[in-house]
């Protein structure tokens, strides 16, 4: 499992290096995620150790929101002054995401014939 976490961190490191070298406006971890994704596309099937590490990260995923929550609390003065545009941006982006997700699901998921149920895995 340590090897899998090392692979994830190496991809993040490469992403940081690429971001800094080319002065890109994209964060290094995002570039690292794309590099990992490309590597997994080439390999076709993720190694078991990597999927186990990903499962362990997902179990504790909620802990990753603690720093963001603390950051929000430290910016309360700014939130009080700009609450209307922040609220509008949150509501509009949430609704847009829901509509786009529903549209994509309707286009990408197979259509069921009338009276037919789609089972898991189909």
PDB file of N, CA and C in Angstrom:
ATOM      1  N   UNK A   1       0.827  -1.189   0.000  1.00  0.00           N
ATOM      2  CA  UNK A   1       0.000   0.000   0.000  1.00  0.00           C
ATOM      3  C   UNK A   1       0.873   1.255   0.000  1.00  0.00           C
ATOM      4  N   UNK A   2       2.028   1.178   0.624  1.00  0.00           N
ATOM      5  CA  UNK A   2       2.923   2.336   0.656  1.00  0.00           C
ATOM      6  C   UNK A   2       3.383   2.666  -0.758  1.00  0.00           C
ATOM      7  N   UNK A   3       3.604   1.646  -1.574  1.00  0.00           N
ATOM      8  CA  UNK A   3       4.011   1.878  -2.957  1.00  0.00           C
ATOM      9  C   UNK A   3       2.928   2.641  -3.724  1.00  0.00           C
ATOM     10  N   UNK A   4       1.668   2.327  -3.458  1.00  0.00           N
ATOM     11  CA  UNK A   4       0.569   3.012  -4.142  1.00  0.00           C
ATOM     12  C   UNK A   4       0.499   4.475  -3.716  1.00  0.00           C
ATOM     13  N   UNK A   5       0.632   4.733  -2.407  1.00  0.00           N
ATOM     14  CA  UNK A   5       0.635   6.125  -1.939  1.00  0.00           C
ATOM     15  C   UNK A   5       1.847   6.867  -2.500  1.00  0.00           C
ATOM     16  N   UNK A   6       2.968   6.172  -2.610  1.00  0.00           N
ATOM     17  CA  UNK A   6       4.165   6.792  -3.196  1.00  0.00           C
ATOM     18  C   UNK A   6       3.902   7.150  -4.653  1.00  0.00           C
ATOM     19  N   UNK A   7       3.234   6.267  -5.402  1.00  0.00           N
ATOM     20  CA  UNK A   7       2.909   6.550  -6.800  1.00  0.00           C
ATOM     21  C   UNK A   7       2.016   7.786  -6.903  1.00  0.00           C
ATOM     22  N   UNK A   8       1.021   7.883  -6.045  1.00  0.00           N
ATOM     23  CA  UNK A   8       0.125   9.041  -6.056  1.00  0.00           C
ATOM     24  C   UNK A   8       0.905  10.317  -5.747  1.00  0.00           C
ATOM     25  N   UNK A   9       1.781  10.249  -4.759  1.00  0.00           N
ATOM     26  CA  UNK A   9       2.572  11.432  -4.399  1.00  0.00           C
ATOM     27  C   UNK A   9       3.587  11.797  -5.482  1.00  0.00           C
ATOM     28  N   UNK A  10       4.154  10.798  -6.150  1.00  0.00           N
ATOM     29  CA  UNK A  10       5.089  11.084  -7.251  1.00  0.00           C
ATOM     30  C   UNK A  10       4.350  11.765  -8.400  1.00  0.00           C
ATOM     31  N   UNK A  11       3.146  11.306  -8.698  1.00  0.00           N
ATOM     32  CA  UNK A  11       2.352  11.965  -9.742  1.00  0.00           C
ATOM     33  C   UNK A  11       2.050  13.412  -9.350  1.00  0.00           C
ATOM     34  N   UNK A  12       1.737  13.632  -8.076  1.00  0.00           N
ATOM     35  CA  UNK A  12       1.489  14.989  -7.610  1.00  0.00           C
ATOM     36  C   UNK A  12       2.765  15.834  -7.726  1.00  0.00           C
ATOM     37  N   UNK A  13       3.906  15.250  -7.375  1.00  0.00           N
ATOM     38  CA  UNK A  13       5.174  15.959  -7.481  1.00  0.00           C
ATOM     39  C   UNK A  13       5.465  16.341  -8.930  1.00  0.00           C
ATOM     40  N   UNK A  14       5.283  15.405  -9.857  1.00  0.00           N
ATOM     41  CA  UNK A  14       5.486  15.716 -11.272  1.00  0.00           C
ATOM     42  C   UNK A  14       4.531  16.819 -11.726  1.00  0.00           C
ATOM     43  N   UNK A  15       3.301  16.767 -11.239  1.00  0.00           N
ATOM     44  CA  UNK A  15       2.339  17.815 -11.572  1.00  0.00           C
ATOM     45  C   UNK A  15       2.796  19.175 -11.068  1.00  0.00           C
ATOM     46  N   UNK A  16       3.320  19.210  -9.849  1.00  0.00           N
ATOM     47  CA  UNK A  16       3.836  20.473  -9.296  1.00  0.00           C
ATOM     48  C   UNK A  16       5.009  20.983 -10.122  1.00  0.00           C
ATOM     49  N   UNK A  17       5.907  20.070 -10.504  1.00  0.00           N
ATOM     50  CA  UNK A  17       7.073  20.467 -11.297  1.00  0.00           C
ATOM     51  C   UNK A  17       6.626  21.022 -12.652  1.00  0.00           C
ATOM     52  N   UNK A  18       5.711  20.334 -13.323  1.00  0.00           N
ATOM     53  CA  UNK A  18       5.217  20.801 -14.620  1.00  0.00           C
ATOM     54  C   UNK A  18       4.532  22.151 -14.475  1.00  0.00           C
ATOM     55  N   UNK A  19       3.722  22.314 -13.438  1.00  0.00           N
ATOM     56  CA  UNK A  19       3.012  23.571 -13.206  1.00  0.00           C
ATOM     57  C   UNK A  19       3.988  24.719 -12.991  1.00  0.00           C
ATOM     58  N   UNK A  20       5.038  24.474 -12.211  1.00  0.00           N
ATOM     59  CA  UNK A  20       6.024  25.523 -11.946  1.00  0.00           C
ATOM     60  C   UNK A  20       6.921  25.791 -13.149  1.00  0.00           C
ATOM     61  N   UNK A  21       7.346  24.731 -13.833  1.00  0.00           N
ATOM     62  CA  UNK A  21       8.240  24.896 -14.992  1.00  0.00           C
ATOM     63  C   UNK A  21       7.608  25.728 -16.100  1.00  0.00           C
ATOM     64  N   UNK A  22       6.353  25.428 -16.387  1.00  0.00           N
ATOM     65  CA  UNK A  22       5.688  26.099 -17.496  1.00  0.00           C
ATOM     66  C   UNK A  22       4.798  27.248 -17.038  1.00  0.00           C
ATOM     67  N   UNK A  23       4.844  27.575 -15.755  1.00  0.00           N
ATOM     68  CA  UNK A  23       4.071  28.677 -15.179  1.00  0.00           C
ATOM     69  C   UNK A  23       2.594  28.589 -15.580  1.00  0.00           C
ATOM     70  N   UNK A  24       2.020  27.400 -15.368  1.00  0.00           N
ATOM     71  CA  UNK A  24       0.633  27.147 -15.745  1.00  0.00           C
ATOM     72  C   UNK A  24      -0.326  27.631 -14.653  1.00  0.00           C
ATOM     73  N   UNK A  25      -1.510  28.068 -15.042  1.00  0.00           N
ATOM     74  CA  UNK A  25      -2.497  28.492 -14.038  1.00  0.00           C
ATOM     75  C   UNK A  25      -3.233  27.320 -13.398  1.00  0.00           C
ATOM     76  N   UNK A  26      -2.868  26.101 -13.769  1.00  0.00           N
ATOM     77  CA  UNK A  26      -3.510  24.895 -13.238  1.00  0.00           C
ATOM     78  C   UNK A  26      -2.694  24.400 -12.040  1.00  0.00           C
ATOM     79  N   UNK A  27      -3.344  24.064 -10.932  1.00  0.00           N
ATOM     80  CA  UNK A  27      -2.595  23.561  -9.771  1.00  0.00           C
ATOM     81  C   UNK A  27      -1.866  22.254 -10.077  1.00  0.00           C
ATOM     82  N   UNK A  28      -0.725  22.079  -9.441  1.00  0.00           N
ATOM     83  CA  UNK A  28       0.082  20.883  -9.633  1.00  0.00           C
ATOM     84  C   UNK A  28      -0.644  19.582  -9.354  1.00  0.00           C
ATOM     85  N   UNK A  29      -1.423  19.497  -8.262  1.00  0.00           N
ATOM     86  CA  UNK A  29      -2.138  18.245  -8.007  1.00  0.00           C
ATOM     87  C   UNK A  29      -3.120  17.862  -9.115  1.00  0.00           C
ATOM     88  N   UNK A  30      -3.706  18.852  -9.777  1.00  0.00           N
ATOM     89  CA  UNK A  30      -4.625  18.551 -10.879  1.00  0.00           C
ATOM     90  C   UNK A  30      -3.843  17.968 -12.052  1.00  0.00           C
ATOM     91  N   UNK A  31      -2.690  18.554 -12.347  1.00  0.00           N
ATOM     92  CA  UNK A  31      -1.848  18.027 -13.423  1.00  0.00           C
ATOM     93  C   UNK A  31      -1.379  16.617 -13.056  1.00  0.00           C
ATOM     94  N   UNK A  32      -1.016  16.408 -11.797  1.00  0.00           N
ATOM     95  CA  UNK A  32      -0.612  15.078 -11.343  1.00  0.00           C
ATOM     96  C   UNK A  32      -1.726  14.066 -11.488  1.00  0.00           C
ATOM     97  N   UNK A  33      -2.955  14.475 -11.206  1.00  0.00           N
ATOM     98  CA  UNK A  33      -4.107  13.595 -11.368  1.00  0.00           C
ATOM     99  C   UNK A  33      -4.294  13.213 -12.830  1.00  0.00           C
ATOM    100  N   UNK A  34      -4.104  14.176 -13.725  1.00  0.00           N
ATOM    101  CA  UNK A  34      -4.209  13.893 -15.160  1.00  0.00           C
ATOM    102  C   UNK A  34      -3.102  12.921 -15.581  1.00  0.00           C
ATOM    103  N   UNK A  35      -1.890  13.126 -15.068  1.00  0.00           N
ATOM    104  CA  UNK A  35      -0.788  12.208 -15.385  1.00  0.00           C
ATOM    105  C   UNK A  35      -1.088  10.789 -14.896  1.00  0.00           C
ATOM    106  N   UNK A  36      -1.617  10.673 -13.686  1.00  0.00           N
ATOM    107  CA  UNK A  36      -1.999   9.362 -13.160  1.00  0.00           C
ATOM    108  C   UNK A  36      -3.092   8.735 -14.020  1.00  0.00           C
ATOM    109  N   UNK A  37      -4.064   9.542 -14.428  1.00  0.00           N
ATOM    110  CA  UNK A  37      -5.156   9.058 -15.272  1.00  0.00           C
ATOM    111  C   UNK A  37      -4.622   8.538 -16.601  1.00  0.00           C
ATOM    112  N   UNK A  38      -3.700   9.281 -17.210  1.00  0.00           N
ATOM    113  CA  UNK A  38      -3.102   8.849 -18.479  1.00  0.00           C
ATOM    114  C   UNK A  38      -2.352   7.527 -18.282  1.00  0.00           C
ATOM    115  N   UNK A  39      -1.614   7.434 -17.173  1.00  0.00           N
ATOM    116  CA  UNK A  39      -0.908   6.187 -16.879  1.00  0.00           C
ATOM    117  C   UNK A  39      -1.857   5.016 -16.725  1.00  0.00           C
ATOM    118  N   UNK A  40      -2.988   5.245 -16.079  1.00  0.00           N
ATOM    119  CA  UNK A  40      -3.971   4.172 -15.902  1.00  0.00           C
ATOM    120  C   UNK A  40      -4.647   3.810 -17.223  1.00  0.00           C
ATOM    121  N   UNK A  41      -4.842   4.812 -18.097  1.00  0.00           N
ATOM    122  CA  UNK A  41      -5.403   4.509 -19.424  1.00  0.00           C
ATOM    123  C   UNK A  41      -4.454   3.640 -20.229  1.00  0.00           C
ATOM    124  N   UNK A  42      -3.170   3.938 -20.118  1.00  0.00           N
ATOM    125  CA  UNK A  42      -2.178   3.148 -20.851  1.00  0.00           C
ATOM    126  C   UNK A  42      -2.125   1.726 -20.307  1.00  0.00           C
ATOM    127  N   UNK A  43      -2.159   1.589 -18.980  1.00  0.00           N
ATOM    128  CA  UNK A  43      -2.064   0.270 -18.346  1.00  0.00           C
ATOM    129  C   UNK A  43      -3.344  -0.538 -18.532  1.00  0.00           C
ATOM    130  N   UNK A  44      -4.464   0.134 -18.738  1.00  0.00           N
ATOM    131  CA  UNK A  44      -5.790  -0.461 -18.962  1.00  0.00           C
ATOM    132  C   UNK A  44      -6.494  -0.916 -17.685  1.00  0.00           C
ATOM    133  N   UNK A  45      -5.759  -1.460 -16.720  1.00  0.00           N
ATOM    134  CA  UNK A  45      -6.392  -1.920 -15.485  1.00  0.00           C
ATOM    135  C   UNK A  45      -5.520  -1.487 -14.313  1.00  0.00           C
ATOM    136  N   UNK A  46      -6.136  -0.798 -13.332  1.00  0.00           N
ATOM    137  CA  UNK A  46      -5.311  -0.345 -12.199  1.00  0.00           C
ATOM    138  C   UNK A  46      -4.830  -1.526 -11.363  1.00  0.00           C
ATOM    139  N   UNK A  47      -3.611  -1.431 -10.830  1.00  0.00           N
ATOM    140  CA  UNK A  47      -3.126  -2.499  -9.954  1.00  0.00           C
ATOM    141  C   UNK A  47      -3.989  -2.603  -8.694  1.00  0.00           C
ATOM    142  N   UNK A  48      -4.104  -3.788  -8.165  1.00  0.00           N
ATOM    143  CA  UNK A  48      -4.926  -4.028  -6.966  1.00  0.00           C
ATOM    144  C   UNK A  48      -4.468  -3.157  -5.805  1.00  0.00           C
ATOM    145  N   UNK A  49      -3.157  -3.003  -5.651  1.00  0.00           N
ATOM    146  CA  UNK A  49      -2.641  -2.210  -4.534  1.00  0.00           C
ATOM    147  C   UNK A  49      -3.083  -0.747  -4.658  1.00  0.00           C
ATOM    148  N   UNK A  50      -3.201  -0.247  -5.893  1.00  0.00           N
ATOM    149  CA  UNK A  50      -3.635   1.128  -6.099  1.00  0.00           C
ATOM    150  C   UNK A  50      -5.124   1.287  -5.793  1.00  0.00           C
ATOM    151  N   UNK A  51      -5.925   0.316  -6.179  1.00  0.00           N
ATOM    152  CA  UNK A  51      -7.355   0.398  -5.870  1.00  0.00           C
ATOM    153  C   UNK A  51      -7.597   0.278  -4.367  1.00  0.00           C
ATOM    154  N   UNK A  52      -6.795  -0.550  -3.679  1.00  0.00           N
ATOM    155  CA  UNK A  52      -6.922  -0.647  -2.222  1.00  0.00           C
ATOM    156  C   UNK A  52      -6.566   0.676  -1.555  1.00  0.00           C
ATOM    157  N   UNK A  53      -5.495   1.316  -2.029  1.00  0.00           N
ATOM    158  CA  UNK A  53      -5.097   2.609  -1.465  1.00  0.00           C
ATOM    159  C   UNK A  53      -6.172   3.659  -1.726  1.00  0.00           C
ATOM    160  N   UNK A  54      -6.748   3.646  -2.927  1.00  0.00           N
ATOM    161  CA  UNK A  54      -7.817   4.600  -3.257  1.00  0.00           C
ATOM    162  C   UNK A  54      -9.036   4.370  -2.369  1.00  0.00           C
ATOM    163  N   UNK A  55      -9.369   3.104  -2.122  1.00  0.00           N
ATOM    164  CA  UNK A  55     -10.494   2.799  -1.235  1.00  0.00           C
ATOM    165  C   UNK A  55     -10.241   3.335   0.171  1.00  0.00           C
ATOM    166  N   UNK A  56      -9.016   3.182   0.669  1.00  0.00           N
ATOM    167  CA  UNK A  56      -8.693   3.702   1.997  1.00  0.00           C
ATOM    168  C   UNK A  56      -8.766   5.220   2.039  1.00  0.00           C
ATOM    169  N   UNK A  57      -8.352   5.878   0.970  1.00  0.00           N
ATOM    170  CA  UNK A  57      -8.466   7.336   0.919  1.00  0.00           C
ATOM    171  C   UNK A  57      -9.930   7.763   0.909  1.00  0.00           C
ATOM    172  N   UNK A  58     -10.763   7.048   0.168  1.00  0.00           N
ATOM    173  CA  UNK A  58     -12.178   7.402   0.086  1.00  0.00           C
ATOM    174  C   UNK A  58     -12.901   7.210   1.414  1.00  0.00           C
ATOM    175  N   UNK A  59     -12.474   6.217   2.195  1.00  0.00           N
ATOM    176  CA  UNK A  59     -13.086   5.986   3.506  1.00  0.00           C
ATOM    177  C   UNK A  59     -12.912   7.210   4.399  1.00  0.00           C
ATOM    178  N   UNK A  60     -11.733   7.837   4.295  1.00  0.00           N
ATOM    179  CA  UNK A  60     -11.420   8.984   5.153  1.00  0.00           C
ATOM    180  C   UNK A  60     -11.522  10.316   4.402  1.00  0.00           C
ATOM    181  N   UNK A  61     -12.275  10.325   3.331  1.00  0.00           N
ATOM    182  CA  UNK A  61     -12.367  11.498   2.467  1.00  0.00           C
ATOM    183  C   UNK A  61     -12.905  12.727   3.195  1.00  0.00           C
ATOM    184  N   UNK A  62     -13.827  12.528   4.111  1.00  0.00           N
ATOM    185  CA  UNK A  62     -14.430  13.671   4.809  1.00  0.00           C
ATOM    186  C   UNK A  62     -13.397  14.458   5.611  1.00  0.00           C
ATOM    187  N   UNK A  63     -12.329  13.813   6.053  1.00  0.00           N
ATOM    188  CA  UNK A  63     -11.289  14.524   6.791  1.00  0.00           C
ATOM    189  C   UNK A  63     -10.588  15.577   5.936  1.00  0.00           C
ATOM    190  N   UNK A  64     -10.603  15.384   4.625  1.00  0.00           N
ATOM    191  CA  UNK A  64      -9.941  16.333   3.737  1.00  0.00           C
ATOM    192  C   UNK A  64     -10.684  17.670   3.672  1.00  0.00           C
ATOM    193  N   UNK A  65     -11.931  17.714   4.145  1.00  0.00           N
ATOM    194  CA  UNK A  65     -12.693  18.954   4.126  1.00  0.00           C
ATOM    195  C   UNK A  65     -12.465  19.802   5.372  1.00  0.00           C
ATOM    196  N   UNK A  66     -11.804  19.263   6.367  1.00  0.00           N
ATOM    197  CA  UNK A  66     -11.562  20.020   7.602  1.00  0.00           C
ATOM    198  C   UNK A  66     -10.738  21.282   7.336  1.00  0.00           C
ATOM    199  N   UNK A  67      -9.611  21.207   6.612  1.00  0.00           N
ATOM    200  CA  UNK A  67      -8.862  22.449   6.353  1.00  0.00           C
ATOM    201  C   UNK A  67      -9.676  23.483   5.587  1.00  0.00           C
ATOM    202  N   UNK A  68     -10.493  23.052   4.647  1.00  0.00           N
ATOM    203  CA  UNK A  68     -11.326  23.994   3.900  1.00  0.00           C
ATOM    204  C   UNK A  68     -12.342  24.656   4.827  1.00  0.00           C
ATOM    205  N   UNK A  69     -12.920  23.885   5.733  1.00  0.00           N
ATOM    206  CA  UNK A  69     -13.869  24.462   6.687  1.00  0.00           C
ATOM    207  C   UNK A  69     -13.216  25.471   7.608  1.00  0.00           C
ATOM    208  N   UNK A  70     -12.004  25.177   8.046  1.00  0.00           N
ATOM    209  CA  UNK A  70     -11.262  26.120   8.886  1.00  0.00           C
ATOM    210  C   UNK A  70     -10.962  27.387   8.089  1.00  0.00           C
ATOM    211  N   UNK A  71     -10.602  27.227   6.816  1.00  0.00           N
ATOM    212  CA  UNK A  71     -10.329  28.391   5.972  1.00  0.00           C
ATOM    213  C   UNK A  71     -11.546  29.280   5.812  1.00  0.00           C
ATOM    214  N   UNK A  72     -12.717  28.673   5.694  1.00  0.00           N
ATOM    215  CA  UNK A  72     -13.949  29.461   5.580  1.00  0.00           C
ATOM    216  C   UNK A  72     -14.188  30.249   6.864  1.00  0.00           C
ATOM    217  N   UNK A  73     -13.980  29.613   7.996  1.00  0.00           N
ATOM    218  CA  UNK A  73     -14.212  30.291   9.281  1.00  0.00           C
ATOM    219  C   UNK A  73     -13.261  31.474   9.447  1.00  0.00           C
ATOM    220  N   UNK A  74     -12.040  31.353   8.967  1.00  0.00           N
ATOM    221  CA  UNK A  74     -11.085  32.455   9.116  1.00  0.00           C
ATOM    222  C   UNK A  74     -11.415  33.628   8.201  1.00  0.00           C
ATOM    223  N   UNK A  75     -12.287  33.427   7.230  1.00  0.00           N
ATOM    224  CA  UNK A  75     -12.654  34.494   6.292  1.00  0.00           C
ATOM    225  C   UNK A  75     -14.069  35.014   6.522  1.00  0.00           C
ATOM    226  N   UNK A  76     -14.542  34.964   7.758  1.00  0.00           N
ATOM    227  CA  UNK A  76     -15.919  35.361   8.059  1.00  0.00           C
ATOM    228  C   UNK A  76     -16.198  36.827   7.706  1.00  0.00           C
ATOM    229  N   UNK A  77     -15.240  37.719   7.911  1.00  0.00           N
ATOM    230  CA  UNK A  77     -15.469  39.127   7.577  1.00  0.00           C
ATOM    231  C   UNK A  77     -15.740  39.299   6.084  1.00  0.00           C
ATOM    232  N   UNK A  78     -14.959  38.608   5.261  1.00  0.00           N
ATOM    233  CA  UNK A  78     -15.169  38.679   3.819  1.00  0.00           C
ATOM    234  C   UNK A  78     -16.514  38.060   3.438  1.00  0.00           C
ATOM    235  N   UNK A  79     -16.876  36.969   4.093  1.00  0.00           N
ATOM    236  CA  UNK A  79     -18.162  36.331   3.802  1.00  0.00           C
ATOM    237  C   UNK A  79     -19.329  37.250   4.165  1.00  0.00           C
ATOM    238  N   UNK A  80     -19.204  37.963   5.269  1.00  0.00           N
ATOM    239  CA  UNK A  80     -20.276  38.880   5.664  1.00  0.00           C
ATOM    240  C   UNK A  80     -20.447  40.003   4.653  1.00  0.00           C
ATOM    241  N   UNK A  81     -19.337  40.471   4.088  1.00  0.00           N
ATOM    242  CA  UNK A  81     -19.416  41.575   3.130  1.00  0.00           C
ATOM    243  C   UNK A  81     -19.872  41.144   1.746  1.00  0.00           C
ATOM    244  N   UNK A  82     -19.549  39.922   1.356  1.00  0.00           N
ATOM    245  CA  UNK A  82     -19.853  39.457   0.003  1.00  0.00           C
ATOM    246  C   UNK A  82     -20.786  38.259  -0.006  1.00  0.00           C
ATOM    247  N   UNK A  83     -21.706  38.190   0.941  1.00  0.00           N
ATOM    248  CA  UNK A  83     -22.548  37.005   1.051  1.00  0.00           C
ATOM    249  C   UNK A  83     -23.469  36.826  -0.152  1.00  0.00           C
ATOM    250  N   UNK A  84     -23.978  37.916  -0.726  1.00  0.00           N
ATOM    251  CA  UNK A  84     -24.919  37.781  -1.836  1.00  0.00           C
ATOM    252  C   UNK A  84     -24.269  37.195  -3.098  1.00  0.00           C
ATOM    253  N   UNK A  85     -23.133  37.741  -3.573  1.00  0.00           N
ATOM    254  CA  UNK A  85     -22.535  37.119  -4.763  1.00  0.00           C
ATOM    255  C   UNK A  85     -22.040  35.696  -4.507  1.00  0.00           C
ATOM    256  N   UNK A  86     -21.555  35.425  -3.292  1.00  0.00           N
ATOM    257  CA  UNK A  86     -21.100  34.066  -2.977  1.00  0.00           C
ATOM    258  C   UNK A  86     -22.273  33.094  -2.992  1.00  0.00           C
ATOM    259  N   UNK A  87     -23.379  33.489  -2.387  1.00  0.00           N
ATOM    260  CA  UNK A  87     -24.575  32.644  -2.368  1.00  0.00           C
ATOM    261  C   UNK A  87     -25.109  32.428  -3.774  1.00  0.00           C
ATOM    262  N   UNK A  88     -25.153  33.501  -4.571  1.00  0.00           N
ATOM    263  CA  UNK A  88     -25.638  33.380  -5.951  1.00  0.00           C
ATOM    264  C   UNK A  88     -24.743  32.439  -6.752  1.00  0.00           C
ATOM    265  N   UNK A  89     -23.432  32.566  -6.596  1.00  0.00           N
ATOM    266  CA  UNK A  89     -22.507  31.691  -7.323  1.00  0.00           C
ATOM    267  C   UNK A  89     -22.699  30.243  -6.909  1.00  0.00           C
ATOM    268  N   UNK A  90     -22.878  29.988  -5.603  1.00  0.00           N
ATOM    269  CA  UNK A  90     -23.078  28.620  -5.131  1.00  0.00           C
ATOM    270  C   UNK A  90     -24.372  28.018  -5.664  1.00  0.00           C
ATOM    271  N   UNK A  91     -25.450  28.779  -5.614  1.00  0.00           N
ATOM    272  CA  UNK A  91     -26.750  28.269  -6.067  1.00  0.00           C
ATOM    273  C   UNK A  91     -26.734  28.020  -7.574  1.00  0.00           C
ATOM    274  N   UNK A  92     -26.225  28.994  -8.336  1.00  0.00           N
ATOM    275  CA  UNK A  92     -26.217  28.857  -9.793  1.00  0.00           C
ATOM    276  C   UNK A  92     -25.302  27.710 -10.225  1.00  0.00           C
ATOM    277  N   UNK A  93     -24.115  27.613  -9.631  1.00  0.00           N
ATOM    278  CA  UNK A  93     -23.197  26.544 -10.032  1.00  0.00           C
ATOM    279  C   UNK A  93     -23.747  25.170  -9.642  1.00  0.00           C
ATOM    280  N   UNK A  94     -24.424  25.075  -8.498  1.00  0.00           N
ATOM    281  CA  UNK A  94     -25.027  23.806  -8.093  1.00  0.00           C
ATOM    282  C   UNK A  94     -26.135  23.395  -9.051  1.00  0.00           C
ATOM    283  N   UNK A  95     -27.010  24.328  -9.388  1.00  0.00           N
ATOM    284  CA  UNK A  95     -28.092  24.015 -10.324  1.00  0.00           C
ATOM    285  C   UNK A  95     -27.552  23.655 -11.704  1.00  0.00           C
ATOM    286  N   UNK A  96     -26.554  24.392 -12.172  1.00  0.00           N
ATOM    287  CA  UNK A  96     -25.947  24.101 -13.466  1.00  0.00           C
ATOM    288  C   UNK A  96     -25.300  22.717 -13.474  1.00  0.00           C
ATOM    289  N   UNK A  97     -24.639  22.367 -12.379  1.00  0.00           N
ATOM    290  CA  UNK A  97     -24.022  21.045 -12.278  1.00  0.00           C
ATOM    291  C   UNK A  97     -25.073  19.948 -12.305  1.00  0.00           C
ATOM    292  N   UNK A  98     -26.165  20.139 -11.589  1.00  0.00           N
ATOM    293  CA  UNK A  98     -27.226  19.130 -11.570  1.00  0.00           C
ATOM    294  C   UNK A  98     -27.854  18.954 -12.951  1.00  0.00           C
ATOM    295  N   UNK A  99     -28.115  20.065 -13.637  1.00  0.00           N
ATOM    296  CA  UNK A  99     -28.720  19.990 -14.970  1.00  0.00           C
ATOM    297  C   UNK A  99     -27.763  19.322 -15.950  1.00  0.00           C
ATOM    298  N   UNK A 100     -26.494  19.706 -15.923  1.00  0.00           N
ATOM    299  CA  UNK A 100     -25.509  19.117 -16.828  1.00  0.00           C
ATOM    300  C   UNK A 100     -25.316  17.628 -16.547  1.00  0.00           C
ATOM    301  N   UNK A 101     -25.290  17.244 -15.278  1.00  0.00           N
ATOM    302  CA  UNK A 101     -25.152  15.833 -14.921  1.00  0.00           C
ATOM    303  C   UNK A 101     -26.342  15.022 -15.422  1.00  0.00           C
ATOM    304  N   UNK A 102     -27.555  15.540 -15.228  1.00  0.00           N
ATOM    305  CA  UNK A 102     -28.749  14.838 -15.704  1.00  0.00           C
ATOM    306  C   UNK A 102     -28.733  14.714 -17.225  1.00  0.00           C
ATOM    307  N   UNK A 103     -28.329  15.783 -17.912  1.00  0.00           N
ATOM    308  CA  UNK A 103     -28.257  15.749 -19.372  1.00  0.00           C
ATOM    309  C   UNK A 103     -27.258  14.694 -19.847  1.00  0.00           C
ATOM    310  N   UNK A 104     -26.070  14.693 -19.243  1.00  0.00           N
ATOM    311  CA  UNK A 104     -25.047  13.728 -19.642  1.00  0.00           C
ATOM    312  C   UNK A 104     -25.476  12.296 -19.343  1.00  0.00           C
ATOM    313  N   UNK A 105     -26.109  12.091 -18.184  1.00  0.00           N
ATOM    314  CA  UNK A 105     -26.582  10.741 -17.865  1.00  0.00           C
ATOM    315  C   UNK A 105     -27.640  10.275 -18.859  1.00  0.00           C
ATOM    316  N   UNK A 106     -28.524  11.174 -19.254  1.00  0.00           N
ATOM    317  CA  UNK A 106     -29.562  10.781 -20.216  1.00  0.00           C
ATOM    318  C   UNK A 106     -28.964  10.441 -21.578  1.00  0.00           C
ATOM    319  N   UNK A 107     -27.837  11.056 -21.919  1.00  0.00           N
ATOM    320  CA  UNK A 107     -27.198  10.780 -23.206  1.00  0.00           C
ATOM    321  C   UNK A 107     -26.277   9.564 -23.151  1.00  0.00           C
ATOM    322  N   UNK A 108     -25.633   9.325 -22.014  1.00  0.00           N
ATOM    323  CA  UNK A 108     -24.611   8.285 -21.941  1.00  0.00           C
ATOM    324  C   UNK A 108     -25.107   6.934 -21.432  1.00  0.00           C
ATOM    325  N   UNK A 109     -26.149   6.923 -20.611  1.00  0.00           N
ATOM    326  CA  UNK A 109     -26.662   5.650 -20.099  1.00  0.00           C
ATOM    327  C   UNK A 109     -27.536   4.970 -21.142  1.00  0.00           C
ATOM    328  N   UNK A 110     -27.503   3.640 -21.166  1.00  0.00           N
ATOM    329  CA  UNK A 110     -28.345   2.931 -22.146  1.00  0.00           C
ATOM    330  C   UNK A 110     -29.824   3.134 -21.827  1.00  0.00           C
ATOM    331  N   UNK A 111     -30.599   3.178 -22.881  1.00  0.00           N
ATOM    332  CA  UNK A 111     -32.050   3.370 -22.729  1.00  0.00           C
ATOM    333  C   UNK A 111     -32.716   2.031 -22.466  1.00  0.00           C
ATOM    334  N   UNK A 112     -33.645   2.012 -21.528  1.00  0.00           N
ATOM    335  CA  UNK A 112     -34.411   0.793 -21.245  1.00  0.00           C
ATOM    336  C   UNK A 112     -35.669   0.796 -22.104  1.00  0.00           C
ATOM    337  N   UNK A 113     -36.015  -0.376 -22.611  1.00  0.00           N
ATOM    338  CA  UNK A 113     -37.255  -0.507 -23.366  1.00  0.00           C
ATOM    339  C   UNK A 113     -38.420  -0.471 -22.381  1.00  0.00           C
ATOM    340  N   UNK A 114     -39.611  -0.069 -22.836  1.00  0.00           N
ATOM    341  CA  UNK A 114     -40.751  -0.020 -21.919  1.00  0.00           C
ATOM    342  C   UNK A 114     -40.984  -1.369 -21.247  1.00  0.00           C
ATOM    343  N   UNK A 115     -41.141  -1.363 -19.941  1.00  0.00           N
ATOM    344  CA  UNK A 115     -41.378  -2.575 -19.170  1.00  0.00           C
ATOM    345  C   UNK A 115     -40.125  -3.330 -18.811  1.00  0.00           C
ATOM    346  N   UNK A 116     -38.958  -2.886 -19.292  1.00  0.00           N
ATOM    347  CA  UNK A 116     -37.691  -3.572 -19.015  1.00  0.00           C
ATOM    348  C   UNK A 116     -36.947  -2.834 -17.914  1.00  0.00           C
ATOM    349  N   UNK A 117     -36.336  -3.608 -17.024  1.00  0.00           N
ATOM    350  CA  UNK A 117     -35.526  -3.020 -15.951  1.00  0.00           C
ATOM    351  C   UNK A 117     -34.070  -3.218 -16.277  1.00  0.00           C
ATOM    352  N   UNK A 118     -33.273  -2.181 -16.051  1.00  0.00           N
ATOM    353  CA  UNK A 118     -31.836  -2.320 -16.197  1.00  0.00           C
ATOM    354  C   UNK A 118     -31.279  -2.812 -14.861  1.00  0.00           C
ATOM    355  N   UNK A 119     -30.575  -3.918 -14.898  1.00  0.00           N
ATOM    356  CA  UNK A 119     -29.968  -4.469 -13.680  1.00  0.00           C
ATOM    357  C   UNK A 119     -28.595  -3.860 -13.489  1.00  0.00           C
ATOM    358  N   UNK A 120     -28.055  -3.969 -12.267  1.00  0.00           N
ATOM    359  CA  UNK A 120     -26.709  -3.494 -12.000  1.00  0.00           C
ATOM    360  C   UNK A 120     -25.726  -4.199 -12.911  1.00  0.00           C
ATOM    361  N   UNK A 121     -24.744  -3.441 -13.408  1.00  0.00           N
ATOM    362  CA  UNK A 121     -23.713  -4.029 -14.250  1.00  0.00           C
ATOM    363  C   UNK A 121     -24.064  -4.013 -15.731  1.00  0.00           C
ATOM    364  N   UNK A 122     -25.240  -3.530 -16.094  1.00  0.00           N
ATOM    365  CA  UNK A 122     -25.606  -3.480 -17.516  1.00  0.00           C
ATOM    366  C   UNK A 122     -25.452  -2.081 -18.037  1.00  0.00           C
TER     367      UNK A 122
END
